[in-house]
Every structure is written in C-alpha cells, then in structure tokens.
Protein backbone atom coordinates (compact mmCIF):
# COMPACT_ATOMS: atom_id res chain seq x y z
CA MET A 1 -45.60 3.88 -60.17
CA ILE A 2 -43.22 1.30 -58.81
CA ALA A 3 -41.74 2.13 -55.16
CA PRO A 4 -37.92 2.58 -54.62
CA ASP A 5 -36.44 -0.47 -53.33
CA ASP A 6 -35.51 0.91 -49.75
CA ASP A 7 -39.13 1.31 -48.99
CA THR A 8 -39.99 -2.14 -49.90
CA ALA A 9 -39.05 -3.51 -46.18
CA SER A 10 -41.68 -0.99 -44.89
CA GLN A 11 -44.41 -2.10 -47.10
CA ASP A 12 -44.17 -5.42 -45.82
CA GLY A 13 -44.24 -4.18 -42.23
CA LEU A 14 -40.75 -4.53 -41.33
CA GLN A 15 -38.68 -1.86 -40.08
CA THR A 16 -34.64 -1.63 -40.03
CA ALA A 17 -33.48 -1.01 -36.54
CA PRO A 18 -31.10 2.29 -36.31
CA PRO A 19 -27.56 0.98 -35.76
CA VAL A 20 -26.44 0.58 -32.10
CA ARG A 21 -24.00 3.24 -31.26
CA PRO A 22 -21.31 2.04 -28.58
CA ARG A 23 -21.90 3.44 -25.35
CA ARG A 24 -19.32 5.83 -23.79
CA ARG A 25 -17.33 4.49 -21.14
CA GLY A 26 -16.00 7.15 -18.36
CA ILE A 27 -14.44 6.82 -14.92
CA TYR A 28 -15.90 7.95 -11.47
CA LEU A 29 -14.11 11.36 -10.68
CA LEU A 30 -14.06 11.34 -7.17
CA PRO A 31 -12.23 8.18 -6.09
CA ASN A 32 -9.64 8.23 -8.94
CA LEU A 33 -9.02 12.19 -8.13
CA LEU A 34 -7.94 10.99 -4.42
CA THR A 35 -5.76 7.98 -6.22
CA THR A 36 -4.02 10.71 -8.34
CA GLY A 37 -3.28 12.27 -5.44
CA THR A 38 -1.34 8.97 -3.90
CA LEU A 39 0.59 9.32 -7.36
CA PHE A 40 1.49 12.98 -7.02
CA ALA A 41 2.69 12.52 -3.32
CA GLY A 42 4.67 9.57 -4.52
CA PHE A 43 6.29 11.73 -7.33
CA TYR A 44 6.90 14.50 -4.92
CA ALA A 45 8.50 12.26 -2.50
CA ILE A 46 11.23 10.90 -5.57
CA VAL A 47 11.72 14.82 -6.55
CA ALA A 48 12.08 15.98 -2.85
CA ALA A 49 14.76 13.13 -2.27
CA ILE A 50 16.76 14.20 -5.64
CA ASP A 51 16.94 17.81 -3.83
CA HIS A 52 18.07 16.10 -0.93
CA ASN A 53 14.86 17.25 1.06
CA PHE A 54 14.33 14.00 2.72
CA ASP A 55 12.24 15.31 5.45
CA ARG A 56 9.82 16.67 2.87
CA ALA A 57 10.23 13.33 0.93
CA ALA A 58 9.19 11.06 4.04
CA ILE A 59 6.21 13.55 4.76
CA ALA A 60 5.22 13.00 1.18
CA VAL A 61 5.06 9.22 1.66
CA PHE A 62 2.92 9.67 4.74
CA GLY A 63 0.58 11.81 2.50
CA ALA A 64 0.30 9.30 -0.21
CA MET A 65 -0.72 6.71 2.48
CA LEU A 66 -3.41 9.15 3.38
CA PHE A 67 -4.96 9.41 -0.04
CA ASP A 68 -4.58 5.68 -0.85
CA GLY A 69 -6.44 5.51 2.45
CA LEU A 70 -9.20 7.43 1.37
CA ASP A 71 -9.88 6.64 -1.88
CA GLY A 72 -11.03 2.89 -1.43
CA ARG A 73 -13.15 4.12 1.21
CA ILE A 74 -14.79 6.85 -0.61
CA ALA A 75 -15.24 4.52 -3.66
CA ARG A 76 -17.22 1.89 -1.39
CA TRP A 77 -19.24 4.53 0.54
CA THR A 78 -20.25 6.23 -2.93
CA ARG A 79 -20.54 2.88 -4.60
CA THR A 80 -18.16 4.00 -7.50
CA GLU A 81 -15.97 1.14 -7.28
CA SER A 82 -14.73 -0.16 -10.85
CA THR A 83 -11.90 -2.16 -12.46
CA PHE A 84 -10.28 0.96 -13.80
CA GLY A 85 -10.04 2.12 -10.37
CA LYS A 86 -8.64 -0.90 -9.06
CA GLU A 87 -5.79 -0.98 -11.77
CA TYR A 88 -5.08 2.73 -11.47
CA ASP A 89 -4.75 2.32 -7.45
CA SER A 90 -2.16 -0.26 -7.87
CA LEU A 91 -0.23 1.59 -10.62
CA CYS A 92 -0.16 4.44 -8.26
CA ASP A 93 0.68 2.30 -5.43
CA MET A 94 3.64 1.16 -7.14
CA VAL A 95 5.06 4.51 -7.60
CA ALA A 96 4.21 5.75 -4.36
CA PHE A 97 5.10 2.99 -2.10
CA GLY A 98 7.37 0.91 -3.90
CA LEU A 99 9.69 3.65 -6.17
CA ALA A 100 9.41 6.51 -4.13
CA PRO A 101 10.88 4.69 -0.85
CA ALA A 102 13.41 2.99 -2.66
CA ILE A 103 14.47 6.32 -4.26
CA VAL A 104 14.37 7.93 -1.03
CA VAL A 105 16.88 5.45 0.64
CA TYR A 106 19.14 5.39 -2.67
CA GLN A 107 19.75 9.06 -2.66
CA TRP A 108 20.04 9.38 0.95
CA GLY A 109 22.68 6.64 1.52
CA VAL A 110 23.96 4.66 -1.46
CA ALA A 111 26.52 7.42 -2.43
CA ALA A 112 27.59 8.02 1.33
CA ILE A 113 27.96 4.36 2.01
CA ALA A 114 30.21 3.87 -1.36
CA GLU A 115 32.88 6.36 -0.04
CA TYR A 116 33.53 3.52 2.64
CA ASN A 117 33.78 0.79 0.00
CA ALA A 118 32.47 0.15 -3.39
CA THR A 119 31.04 -3.36 -2.53
CA TRP A 120 28.92 -1.13 0.06
CA GLY A 121 27.60 0.95 -2.46
CA ARG A 122 26.54 -1.96 -5.11
CA ILE A 123 25.02 -3.57 -1.74
CA GLY A 124 23.25 -0.50 -1.24
CA TRP A 125 21.63 0.08 -4.63
CA LEU A 126 20.82 -3.62 -4.84
CA VAL A 127 18.96 -3.41 -1.83
CA THR A 128 16.62 -0.33 -2.76
CA PHE A 129 16.07 -2.33 -6.04
CA PHE A 130 14.95 -5.63 -4.15
CA TYR A 131 12.66 -3.16 -2.18
CA ALA A 132 11.08 -1.92 -5.45
CA VAL A 133 10.72 -5.41 -6.59
CA ALA A 134 9.29 -6.83 -3.45
CA ALA A 135 6.72 -4.20 -3.80
CA ALA A 136 5.61 -5.04 -7.19
CA LEU A 137 5.33 -8.53 -6.42
CA ARG A 138 3.35 -7.83 -3.12
CA LEU A 139 0.85 -5.40 -5.16
CA ALA A 140 0.54 -8.36 -8.01
CA ARG A 141 -0.14 -11.04 -5.33
CA PHE A 142 -2.66 -8.82 -3.67
CA ASN A 143 -4.43 -8.26 -7.05
CA ALA A 144 -4.43 -11.79 -8.19
CA ARG A 145 -5.91 -13.17 -4.70
CA THR A 146 -8.20 -10.65 -4.09
CA ALA A 147 -11.19 -12.79 -4.66
CA VAL A 148 -9.76 -15.88 -2.68
CA VAL A 149 -8.27 -14.40 0.25
CA ASP A 150 -9.64 -13.72 3.76
CA LYS A 151 -10.53 -10.19 3.75
CA ARG A 152 -9.58 -9.99 7.60
CA PHE A 153 -6.03 -10.50 6.97
CA PHE A 154 -3.30 -9.41 4.66
CA GLU A 155 -0.74 -11.83 3.44
CA GLY A 156 2.63 -10.08 3.74
CA LEU A 157 3.24 -6.56 4.77
CA PRO A 158 1.25 -4.19 3.17
CA SER A 159 3.16 -1.96 0.74
CA PRO A 160 2.05 1.12 2.37
CA SER A 161 3.25 0.07 6.03
CA ALA A 162 6.45 -0.89 4.45
CA ALA A 163 6.86 2.40 2.71
CA ALA A 164 5.91 4.17 5.94
CA ILE A 165 8.74 2.22 8.01
CA VAL A 166 11.57 3.10 5.50
CA ALA A 167 10.16 6.95 4.74
CA ALA A 168 9.96 7.27 9.00
CA PHE A 169 13.48 5.77 9.21
CA ILE A 170 15.27 8.47 6.81
CA TRP A 171 13.09 10.88 8.22
CA CYS A 172 14.47 10.27 11.85
CA ALA A 173 17.92 10.32 10.23
CA ALA A 174 17.54 13.71 8.88
CA GLU A 175 16.00 15.25 11.85
CA TYR A 176 18.59 13.93 14.19
CA GLY A 177 21.57 13.89 11.74
CA ILE A 178 22.11 9.97 11.88
CA GLY A 179 24.58 9.10 9.98
CA GLY A 180 28.26 7.49 9.85
CA PHE A 181 28.35 3.62 8.85
CA GLY A 182 26.50 2.43 11.14
CA GLY A 183 23.39 4.46 10.28
CA LEU A 184 23.96 3.51 6.64
CA VAL A 185 24.01 -0.01 7.25
CA ALA A 186 20.75 0.15 9.48
CA ALA A 187 19.07 2.09 6.99
CA PHE A 188 19.71 -0.70 4.18
CA ALA A 189 18.93 -3.43 6.91
CA VAL A 190 15.77 -1.54 7.54
CA THR A 191 14.56 -1.46 3.84
CA ALA A 192 15.63 -5.01 2.84
CA THR A 193 13.64 -6.09 6.18
CA ALA A 194 10.64 -4.34 4.65
CA GLY A 195 10.79 -5.81 1.56
CA VAL A 196 11.15 -9.35 2.59
CA LEU A 197 8.05 -8.83 4.86
CA MET A 198 5.98 -7.70 1.97
CA VAL A 199 6.68 -11.13 0.26
CA SER A 200 6.34 -13.18 3.13
CA ARG A 201 3.50 -15.13 4.12
CA PHE A 202 3.01 -13.84 7.48
CA TYR A 203 -0.61 -12.62 8.00
CA TYR A 204 -1.49 -8.99 9.19
CA SER A 205 -4.76 -7.51 10.21
CA SER A 206 -6.51 -5.80 7.76
CA PHE A 207 -8.61 -3.71 10.35
CA LYS A 208 -11.55 -3.96 7.97
CA GLY A 209 -13.74 -5.15 10.96
CA PHE A 210 -13.59 -1.81 12.45
CA ARG A 211 -16.69 0.12 11.78
CA LEU A 212 -16.23 3.66 11.53
CA THR A 213 -19.61 3.98 11.40
CA GLY A 214 -20.74 2.42 13.89
CA ARG A 215 -21.64 3.77 17.64
CA VAL A 216 -18.92 3.86 20.60
CA ARG A 217 -18.62 4.79 23.70
CA TYR A 218 -18.02 8.48 24.55
CA GLY A 219 -14.83 7.74 26.10
CA TYR A 220 -13.57 6.10 23.01
CA ALA A 221 -13.70 9.66 21.21
CA LEU A 222 -10.68 10.56 23.15
CA ILE A 223 -8.44 8.27 21.54
CA VAL A 224 -8.63 10.05 18.11
CA PRO A 225 -7.36 13.56 19.46
CA LEU A 226 -4.88 11.84 21.79
CA THR A 227 -3.39 9.91 18.90
CA PHE A 228 -2.65 13.26 17.08
CA VAL A 229 -1.32 14.60 20.10
CA ILE A 230 0.91 11.36 20.60
CA ILE A 231 2.14 11.62 16.87
CA ALA A 232 2.70 15.53 16.86
CA ALA A 233 4.61 15.28 19.64
CA ASN A 234 7.54 13.70 17.76
CA PRO A 235 6.24 12.78 14.15
CA PRO A 236 9.21 10.59 13.07
CA VAL A 237 9.75 8.71 15.97
CA VAL A 238 6.16 8.04 16.89
CA LEU A 239 5.34 6.85 13.26
CA LEU A 240 8.71 4.56 12.95
CA THR A 241 7.58 3.23 16.54
CA LEU A 242 3.89 2.52 15.33
CA PHE A 243 4.45 1.03 12.00
CA GLY A 244 7.71 -0.87 13.26
CA ALA A 245 5.47 -2.45 15.98
CA PHE A 246 2.76 -3.35 13.28
CA ALA A 247 5.32 -5.02 11.03
CA ALA A 248 6.89 -7.14 14.02
CA SER A 249 3.53 -8.26 15.07
CA ALA A 250 2.82 -10.76 12.28
CA PRO A 251 6.13 -12.71 13.03
CA LEU A 252 5.94 -12.32 16.76
CA ALA A 253 2.16 -13.98 16.37
CA TRP A 254 3.81 -16.85 14.34
CA LEU A 255 6.48 -17.34 16.84
CA TRP A 256 4.01 -17.70 19.18
CA ARG A 257 1.59 -19.75 17.50
CA ARG A 258 4.07 -22.08 16.75
CA ALA A 259 5.20 -22.65 20.16
CA ARG A 260 1.55 -23.45 20.99
CA ARG A 261 1.32 -25.48 17.73
CA ARG A 262 -1.95 -23.11 16.62
CA PRO A 263 -2.58 -22.51 12.87
CA PRO A 264 -2.06 -19.33 11.21
CA PRO A 265 -5.31 -16.93 10.55
CA GLY A 266 -7.48 -18.05 7.90
CA ALA A 267 -5.81 -21.63 7.64
CA ALA A 268 -8.14 -24.58 7.50
CA GLU A 269 -8.06 -26.94 10.31
CA PRO A 270 -7.05 -30.30 9.56
CA PRO A 271 -10.06 -32.93 9.22
CA GLY A 272 -11.25 -34.27 12.80
CA ALA A 273 -9.25 -31.43 14.91
CA GLY A 274 -12.47 -30.30 15.97
CA ALA A 275 -13.45 -33.70 17.38
CA ARG A 276 -10.26 -34.34 19.14
CA ARG A 277 -10.76 -31.15 20.88
CA GLN A 278 -13.96 -32.07 22.12
C-alpha cells in the first residue's frame, strides 16, 4: 500500500515546522496610565476654561505637570520604557502643555480685549495660536534630538514650565481680579514670551543629575515640607514667581556668559582653547 503524499516528508526524516504565530504586542500599564492622567488633566483644563472656571483650569495644568513628572520616572524605575510610551507621552504633552494653556488664555482674554479694539482681538488669538505652535515645535525638536543632546540640559524652555507660567498668571488674574486693558496686554505678553523661550536656543538645567535615591544630610529633609508650606501660603503667586525665575534664568545666564565671553553649556570648546588657558 502506497503511503499518502503528506507522509512522504516524515518518512524521509524531515518534519514540517508549524507556522510561527506573530507575537502579540502590548503596552506597559502603569506608566501609560500616568500619561493618560496628563491627558485627562489637560482636557479638564480646556473644559474648565470654556466654563470660565479659570482657577480650576490653572490647577488642572499643574496636575498635568505632576502626572508628566511621574510617568517618566516610574517607567525608568520599573524598566518599562517603550517607544509607544514615548510617542504617547509627547501627544499628551501637546494637549496638556500646548493646547490647554493657549485655550485658557484665549477664553480669558481674547473676547475681553476685542471690546477695546478688533485689532487687539486678532492679535490675542494669534498670540495664543503662536504659543500652541511653539509648544508643538518644542516637543518635536526634543524628540528629534533626544539621542544627541546633552541630558543635563534642555534646549529651550520645557513646555511644562511654559504652561506653568501661563497658567499661574491666569490663576493670579482670576484670584485677584486682574483685568483691564493693561492686564490683558500683560497676559498676552507673558504667553508670547513663553512661546518664544520654548523655541529659543537657551539652555535650561534638566535637574537630571539630582538623585532622589541618594543619601543627603538630615537637615535637607526640611526643604521638602518648607517648599510645600511656601507654595501653600499663596499658590498662584509663588508658582508664578518660581517658574518665572526659572524661565528667566537661562537668558540671564546667557547674558552673563556673553559678558564674560564663556561658551554655553554643552558647547564644544574651539581647538586649542585649553592650551591657551594653560
């Protein structure tokens, strides 16, 4: 009796390998859950601004900053970094730190300043659009240069810090009733300045050299509760002061280095510079 054709290979000592099923790909839950928190806070800030709850909108932006600061650290600590997480984080940052602050400023000031003059109204919404574009360009540049940039510094003002400045200013305006033509112009000037600093070539410290797991002196432990006490005393004013000082630090440092003719951080020295100093 002749064996069937499908048994011929086995009779010759050859076995047909089973088809390889494609491996199912998944995502890491914990860091992406925190990243989703960033997106939720940014979306809530937009909704709160539309409802004219500007203090809640500002608080939501700072909540987005908290989630954004945690997701990356958790991913590194748990070794759950991924390309998907990086891209998802960038998209959520665009909503929370690009669109949300721009819409908050737009809802707060554009309609009010348009009552003075239609031209000022057009300038207002162009400024808010410029801020959103600057945030997108800042995030795109960061993603494109991650592999080659000095990790100790950020090129341009980080988008969360820019969003914090804008949100804190609107929070102060809502808290203390700042308005009028001068207050509206100041709000748009702050927003435009934050946008310019995001796409600038100024170098800001990333604070990545600061180790949270290292040992410190016992007295340094008082810094954390003291910081919370200072912020809680007057959150909008203190936060605006802190992030405003951080934003101004790089331009001031650049002016100081230029006055003393020093290269910027991370810049290569010209050949022979060290020999000349010796």
